[in-house]
Amino acid sequence: QVQLVESGGGLVQAGSSLRLSCAVSGRTVMNYAMGWFRQAPGRKREFVTAINWNADDPSYSDSVKGRFTISRDNAKNTINLLMYSLKPEDTAVYSCAADLSLARVRAATASYWGQGTQVTVSS
């Protein structure tokens, strides 16, 4: 089974930056699409960004576009999310997802999910 483990979350002040990482293990995932989602208490899971493992054309939600950047290191089976100019409304549990289908990743129906890492942005 594919396993995803997020790291890098924490408590930061508004306007600061944070980098999240998602490590993939269990099997070869070079052809997997990957994505990041977030969920705040009492809210539905929200799409953040997604990218094909073998492509360099990521998509972003309007709420994070221009502030968040997704990158990948296929050799290390890792994807990263660089978050800058963080706002209190960015506070959420951030989870990464993987699937052979980019469409399923973007639709939040990916086959594999991590348990998430908490990001808290104070004002």
N, C-alpha and C. Protein backbone atom coordinates (compact mmCIF):
# COMPACT_ATOMS: atom_id res chain seq x y z
N GLN A 1 0.84 -1.18 0.00
CA GLN A 1 0.00 0.00 0.00
C GLN A 1 0.89 1.25 0.00
N VAL A 2 0.50 2.24 -0.76
CA VAL A 2 1.21 3.50 -0.80
C VAL A 2 0.95 4.25 0.50
N GLN A 3 2.01 4.80 1.07
CA GLN A 3 1.88 5.55 2.31
C GLN A 3 2.42 6.96 2.11
N LEU A 4 1.66 7.93 2.56
CA LEU A 4 2.05 9.33 2.46
C LEU A 4 2.18 9.90 3.86
N VAL A 5 3.27 10.62 4.10
CA VAL A 5 3.52 11.21 5.41
C VAL A 5 3.88 12.67 5.23
N GLU A 6 3.06 13.54 5.81
CA GLU A 6 3.30 14.97 5.73
C GLU A 6 4.14 15.42 6.92
N SER A 7 4.87 16.50 6.72
CA SER A 7 5.65 17.10 7.79
C SER A 7 5.83 18.58 7.51
N GLY A 8 6.25 19.32 8.51
CA GLY A 8 6.56 20.73 8.35
C GLY A 8 5.55 21.69 8.91
N GLY A 9 4.44 21.19 9.41
CA GLY A 9 3.44 22.08 9.97
C GLY A 9 3.90 22.70 11.27
N GLY A 10 3.18 23.71 11.71
CA GLY A 10 3.53 24.37 12.95
C GLY A 10 2.71 25.62 13.16
N LEU A 11 3.09 26.37 14.18
CA LEU A 11 2.44 27.62 14.53
C LEU A 11 3.31 28.78 14.08
N VAL A 12 2.74 29.65 13.25
CA VAL A 12 3.48 30.80 12.74
C VAL A 12 2.59 32.04 12.80
N GLN A 13 3.22 33.19 12.69
CA GLN A 13 2.48 34.44 12.67
C GLN A 13 2.09 34.81 11.25
N ALA A 14 1.03 35.57 11.13
CA ALA A 14 0.58 36.02 9.82
C ALA A 14 1.71 36.76 9.10
N GLY A 15 1.82 36.49 7.81
CA GLY A 15 2.85 37.11 7.00
C GLY A 15 4.12 36.30 6.87
N SER A 16 4.25 35.26 7.67
CA SER A 16 5.45 34.43 7.63
C SER A 16 5.31 33.31 6.60
N SER A 17 6.35 32.49 6.50
CA SER A 17 6.39 31.41 5.52
C SER A 17 6.56 30.07 6.20
N LEU A 18 6.19 29.02 5.49
CA LEU A 18 6.30 27.67 6.01
C LEU A 18 6.41 26.72 4.83
N ARG A 19 7.19 25.67 5.00
CA ARG A 19 7.31 24.66 3.95
C ARG A 19 6.83 23.31 4.46
N LEU A 20 5.89 22.73 3.74
CA LEU A 20 5.40 21.41 4.04
C LEU A 20 6.01 20.40 3.08
N SER A 21 6.20 19.19 3.57
CA SER A 21 6.72 18.11 2.74
C SER A 21 5.81 16.90 2.84
N CYS A 22 5.77 16.13 1.77
CA CYS A 22 5.01 14.89 1.73
C CYS A 22 5.92 13.81 1.18
N ALA A 23 6.25 12.85 2.01
CA ALA A 23 7.09 11.74 1.62
C ALA A 23 6.23 10.54 1.23
N VAL A 24 6.54 9.94 0.10
CA VAL A 24 5.78 8.82 -0.42
C VAL A 24 6.62 7.55 -0.32
N SER A 25 6.03 6.49 0.18
CA SER A 25 6.73 5.22 0.29
C SER A 25 5.77 4.07 0.03
N GLY A 26 6.34 2.87 -0.11
CA GLY A 26 5.53 1.68 -0.29
C GLY A 26 5.63 1.06 -1.67
N ARG A 27 5.73 1.88 -2.67
CA ARG A 27 5.87 1.41 -4.03
C ARG A 27 6.30 2.55 -4.93
N THR A 28 6.67 2.23 -6.13
CA THR A 28 7.07 3.25 -7.09
C THR A 28 5.87 4.10 -7.48
N VAL A 29 6.04 5.41 -7.40
CA VAL A 29 4.94 6.33 -7.68
C VAL A 29 5.35 7.41 -8.67
N MET A 30 6.27 7.10 -9.54
CA MET A 30 6.76 8.09 -10.49
C MET A 30 5.66 8.63 -11.39
N ASN A 31 4.65 7.81 -11.67
CA ASN A 31 3.57 8.23 -12.56
C ASN A 31 2.34 8.74 -11.83
N TYR A 32 2.43 8.91 -10.53
CA TYR A 32 1.29 9.37 -9.74
C TYR A 32 1.16 10.87 -9.77
N ALA A 33 -0.06 11.31 -9.91
CA ALA A 33 -0.37 12.72 -9.68
C ALA A 33 -0.43 12.95 -8.17
N MET A 34 -0.05 14.15 -7.75
CA MET A 34 -0.02 14.47 -6.34
C MET A 34 -0.75 15.78 -6.09
N GLY A 35 -1.23 15.94 -4.88
CA GLY A 35 -1.92 17.17 -4.56
C GLY A 35 -1.90 17.47 -3.07
N TRP A 36 -2.24 18.69 -2.74
CA TRP A 36 -2.39 19.13 -1.36
C TRP A 36 -3.80 19.62 -1.14
N PHE A 37 -4.35 19.27 0.01
CA PHE A 37 -5.67 19.71 0.43
C PHE A 37 -5.58 20.21 1.86
N ARG A 38 -6.57 20.96 2.27
CA ARG A 38 -6.61 21.41 3.64
C ARG A 38 -8.03 21.38 4.17
N GLN A 39 -8.15 21.21 5.47
CA GLN A 39 -9.46 21.15 6.11
C GLN A 39 -9.39 21.80 7.48
N ALA A 40 -10.20 22.82 7.65
CA ALA A 40 -10.30 23.50 8.93
C ALA A 40 -11.49 22.93 9.69
N PRO A 41 -11.49 23.05 11.01
CA PRO A 41 -12.62 22.53 11.80
C PRO A 41 -13.95 23.11 11.33
N GLY A 42 -14.92 22.23 11.13
CA GLY A 42 -16.24 22.66 10.71
C GLY A 42 -16.37 23.01 9.24
N ARG A 43 -15.31 22.80 8.48
CA ARG A 43 -15.34 23.11 7.05
C ARG A 43 -15.03 21.87 6.23
N LYS A 44 -15.44 21.91 4.98
CA LYS A 44 -15.17 20.81 4.07
C LYS A 44 -13.71 20.85 3.61
N ARG A 45 -13.24 19.70 3.19
CA ARG A 45 -11.89 19.64 2.66
C ARG A 45 -11.79 20.51 1.41
N GLU A 46 -10.72 21.28 1.33
CA GLU A 46 -10.53 22.25 0.26
C GLU A 46 -9.31 21.92 -0.58
N PHE A 47 -9.48 21.99 -1.87
CA PHE A 47 -8.36 21.81 -2.78
C PHE A 47 -7.39 22.96 -2.65
N VAL A 48 -6.10 22.65 -2.64
CA VAL A 48 -5.07 23.67 -2.55
C VAL A 48 -4.26 23.71 -3.85
N THR A 49 -3.67 22.58 -4.20
CA THR A 49 -2.83 22.53 -5.40
C THR A 49 -2.65 21.08 -5.82
N ALA A 50 -2.37 20.87 -7.10
CA ALA A 50 -2.11 19.53 -7.62
C ALA A 50 -1.16 19.60 -8.80
N ILE A 51 -0.46 18.49 -9.03
CA ILE A 51 0.51 18.43 -10.11
C ILE A 51 0.73 16.99 -10.52
N ASN A 52 0.92 16.79 -11.81
CA ASN A 52 1.34 15.49 -12.29
C ASN A 52 2.77 15.23 -11.84
N TRP A 53 3.06 14.00 -11.46
CA TRP A 53 4.41 13.67 -10.99
C TRP A 53 5.46 13.91 -12.07
N ASN A 54 5.06 13.75 -13.32
CA ASN A 54 5.98 13.90 -14.43
C ASN A 54 5.72 15.17 -15.24
N ALA A 55 5.03 16.13 -14.64
CA ALA A 55 4.71 17.38 -15.33
C ALA A 55 5.11 18.58 -14.48
N ASP A 56 5.17 19.72 -15.10
CA ASP A 56 5.54 20.96 -14.42
C ASP A 56 4.49 22.04 -14.66
N ASP A 57 3.23 21.63 -14.60
CA ASP A 57 2.13 22.56 -14.82
C ASP A 57 1.14 22.43 -13.68
N PRO A 58 1.48 22.91 -12.50
CA PRO A 58 0.59 22.76 -11.36
C PRO A 58 -0.63 23.67 -11.43
N SER A 59 -1.66 23.28 -10.72
CA SER A 59 -2.86 24.09 -10.59
C SER A 59 -3.02 24.50 -9.13
N TYR A 60 -3.63 25.66 -8.90
CA TYR A 60 -3.80 26.19 -7.56
C TYR A 60 -5.21 26.71 -7.37
N SER A 61 -5.69 26.64 -6.16
CA SER A 61 -6.95 27.27 -5.85
C SER A 61 -6.76 28.78 -5.85
N ASP A 62 -7.84 29.50 -6.09
CA ASP A 62 -7.74 30.96 -6.13
C ASP A 62 -7.28 31.55 -4.80
N SER A 63 -7.62 30.89 -3.71
CA SER A 63 -7.29 31.41 -2.39
C SER A 63 -5.80 31.38 -2.08
N VAL A 64 -5.04 30.54 -2.77
CA VAL A 64 -3.61 30.43 -2.48
C VAL A 64 -2.73 30.80 -3.66
N LYS A 65 -3.31 31.00 -4.81
CA LYS A 65 -2.53 31.32 -6.01
C LYS A 65 -1.71 32.58 -5.79
N GLY A 66 -0.43 32.49 -6.11
CA GLY A 66 0.47 33.61 -5.91
C GLY A 66 1.16 33.61 -4.56
N ARG A 67 0.69 32.78 -3.63
CA ARG A 67 1.29 32.69 -2.30
C ARG A 67 1.90 31.32 -2.02
N PHE A 68 1.33 30.27 -2.61
CA PHE A 68 1.81 28.91 -2.39
C PHE A 68 2.46 28.39 -3.67
N THR A 69 3.47 27.57 -3.52
CA THR A 69 4.15 26.95 -4.65
C THR A 69 4.39 25.47 -4.36
N ILE A 70 3.99 24.63 -5.29
CA ILE A 70 4.23 23.19 -5.15
C ILE A 70 5.45 22.81 -5.98
N SER A 71 6.25 21.92 -5.45
CA SER A 71 7.41 21.42 -6.16
C SER A 71 7.56 19.94 -5.87
N ARG A 72 8.41 19.28 -6.62
CA ARG A 72 8.58 17.84 -6.44
C ARG A 72 10.03 17.43 -6.61
N ASP A 73 10.35 16.34 -5.96
CA ASP A 73 11.65 15.71 -6.11
C ASP A 73 11.37 14.23 -6.34
N ASN A 74 11.25 13.86 -7.61
CA ASN A 74 10.87 12.49 -7.95
C ASN A 74 11.87 11.46 -7.45
N ALA A 75 13.15 11.81 -7.46
CA ALA A 75 14.17 10.88 -7.01
C ALA A 75 13.99 10.52 -5.54
N LYS A 76 13.47 11.45 -4.76
CA LYS A 76 13.25 11.22 -3.34
C LYS A 76 11.79 10.92 -3.00
N ASN A 77 10.96 10.82 -4.04
CA ASN A 77 9.53 10.56 -3.84
C ASN A 77 8.92 11.54 -2.84
N THR A 78 9.19 12.80 -3.08
CA THR A 78 8.74 13.84 -2.17
C THR A 78 8.15 15.01 -2.94
N ILE A 79 7.08 15.57 -2.42
CA ILE A 79 6.56 16.82 -2.93
C ILE A 79 6.56 17.83 -1.78
N ASN A 80 6.73 19.09 -2.14
CA ASN A 80 6.79 20.14 -1.14
C ASN A 80 5.77 21.21 -1.45
N LEU A 81 5.37 21.91 -0.41
CA LEU A 81 4.47 23.04 -0.55
C LEU A 81 5.08 24.21 0.19
N LEU A 82 5.53 25.20 -0.57
CA LEU A 82 6.08 26.42 0.01
C LEU A 82 4.95 27.42 0.17
N MET A 83 4.72 27.83 1.38
CA MET A 83 3.63 28.73 1.72
C MET A 83 4.23 30.03 2.24
N TYR A 84 3.86 31.14 1.63
CA TYR A 84 4.34 32.42 2.09
C TYR A 84 3.18 33.40 2.22
N SER A 85 3.45 34.49 2.90
CA SER A 85 2.40 35.47 3.19
C SER A 85 1.19 34.79 3.81
N LEU A 86 1.45 33.96 4.78
CA LEU A 86 0.38 33.18 5.40
C LEU A 86 -0.62 34.08 6.12
N LYS A 87 -1.87 33.67 6.05
CA LYS A 87 -2.96 34.39 6.67
C LYS A 87 -3.65 33.50 7.70
N PRO A 88 -4.32 34.09 8.66
CA PRO A 88 -5.05 33.27 9.64
C PRO A 88 -6.02 32.30 8.99
N GLU A 89 -6.63 32.68 7.88
CA GLU A 89 -7.56 31.80 7.20
C GLU A 89 -6.90 30.60 6.53
N ASP A 90 -5.57 30.58 6.51
CA ASP A 90 -4.85 29.41 6.01
C ASP A 90 -4.75 28.32 7.06
N THR A 91 -5.15 28.61 8.28
CA THR A 91 -5.10 27.63 9.36
C THR A 91 -5.96 26.42 9.02
N ALA A 92 -5.34 25.24 9.05
CA ALA A 92 -6.04 24.01 8.70
C ALA A 92 -5.09 22.83 8.85
N VAL A 93 -5.64 21.64 8.75
CA VAL A 93 -4.82 20.45 8.61
C VAL A 93 -4.56 20.25 7.12
N TYR A 94 -3.31 20.19 6.76
CA TYR A 94 -2.92 20.04 5.36
C TYR A 94 -2.56 18.59 5.08
N SER A 95 -3.18 18.01 4.07
CA SER A 95 -2.96 16.62 3.71
C SER A 95 -2.51 16.52 2.26
N CYS A 96 -1.66 15.56 1.98
CA CYS A 96 -1.29 15.30 0.60
C CYS A 96 -2.02 14.06 0.11
N ALA A 97 -2.17 13.98 -1.20
CA ALA A 97 -2.91 12.89 -1.82
C ALA A 97 -2.20 12.43 -3.08
N ALA A 98 -2.44 11.19 -3.46
CA ALA A 98 -1.82 10.63 -4.65
C ALA A 98 -2.78 9.70 -5.37
N ASP A 99 -2.68 9.70 -6.68
CA ASP A 99 -3.51 8.82 -7.50
C ASP A 99 -2.91 8.78 -8.90
N LEU A 100 -3.18 7.73 -9.62
CA LEU A 100 -2.74 7.65 -11.00
C LEU A 100 -3.46 8.66 -11.88
N SER A 101 -4.62 9.11 -11.42
CA SER A 101 -5.43 10.07 -12.16
C SER A 101 -5.32 11.46 -11.56
N LEU A 102 -4.87 12.42 -12.35
CA LEU A 102 -4.83 13.81 -11.90
C LEU A 102 -6.23 14.32 -11.61
N ALA A 103 -7.20 13.89 -12.41
CA ALA A 103 -8.58 14.33 -12.21
C ALA A 103 -9.10 13.90 -10.85
N ARG A 104 -8.78 12.69 -10.44
CA ARG A 104 -9.23 12.22 -9.13
C ARG A 104 -8.54 12.97 -8.00
N VAL A 105 -7.28 13.30 -8.19
CA VAL A 105 -6.59 14.09 -7.18
C VAL A 105 -7.25 15.46 -7.04
N ARG A 106 -7.49 16.12 -8.13
CA ARG A 106 -8.09 17.45 -8.09
C ARG A 106 -9.51 17.42 -7.56
N ALA A 107 -10.20 16.31 -7.73
CA ALA A 107 -11.57 16.16 -7.24
C ALA A 107 -11.64 15.67 -5.80
N ALA A 108 -10.50 15.54 -5.14
CA ALA A 108 -10.42 15.08 -3.76
C ALA A 108 -10.91 13.64 -3.60
N THR A 109 -10.76 12.84 -4.64
CA THR A 109 -11.14 11.43 -4.59
C THR A 109 -9.94 10.54 -4.86
N ALA A 110 -8.77 11.00 -4.52
CA ALA A 110 -7.55 10.24 -4.73
C ALA A 110 -7.55 8.95 -3.93
N SER A 111 -6.80 7.97 -4.40
CA SER A 111 -6.76 6.67 -3.74
C SER A 111 -5.97 6.67 -2.44
N TYR A 112 -4.98 7.55 -2.34
CA TYR A 112 -4.08 7.53 -1.19
C TYR A 112 -4.00 8.91 -0.54
N TRP A 113 -4.04 8.90 0.79
CA TRP A 113 -4.02 10.13 1.56
C TRP A 113 -3.09 10.01 2.76
N GLY A 114 -2.45 11.10 3.09
CA GLY A 114 -1.71 11.16 4.33
C GLY A 114 -2.62 11.56 5.47
N GLN A 115 -2.11 11.50 6.69
CA GLN A 115 -2.91 11.85 7.86
C GLN A 115 -2.95 13.34 8.13
N GLY A 116 -2.07 14.09 7.51
CA GLY A 116 -2.12 15.53 7.62
C GLY A 116 -1.14 16.11 8.61
N THR A 117 -0.85 17.38 8.44
CA THR A 117 -0.02 18.13 9.35
C THR A 117 -0.69 19.47 9.64
N GLN A 118 -0.70 19.85 10.90
CA GLN A 118 -1.43 21.05 11.32
C GLN A 118 -0.63 22.31 11.02
N VAL A 119 -1.29 23.25 10.39
CA VAL A 119 -0.73 24.58 10.17
C VAL A 119 -1.63 25.58 10.88
N THR A 120 -1.06 26.34 11.78
CA THR A 120 -1.82 27.35 12.52
C THR A 120 -1.16 28.70 12.32
N VAL A 121 -1.93 29.65 11.84
CA VAL A 121 -1.44 31.00 11.58
C VAL A 121 -2.13 31.96 12.53
N SER A 122 -1.36 32.60 13.37
CA SER A 122 -1.90 33.54 14.34
C SER A 122 -1.83 34.96 13.79
N SER A 123 -2.70 35.81 14.30
CA SER A 123 -2.71 37.20 13.89
C SER A 123 -1.89 38.07 14.81
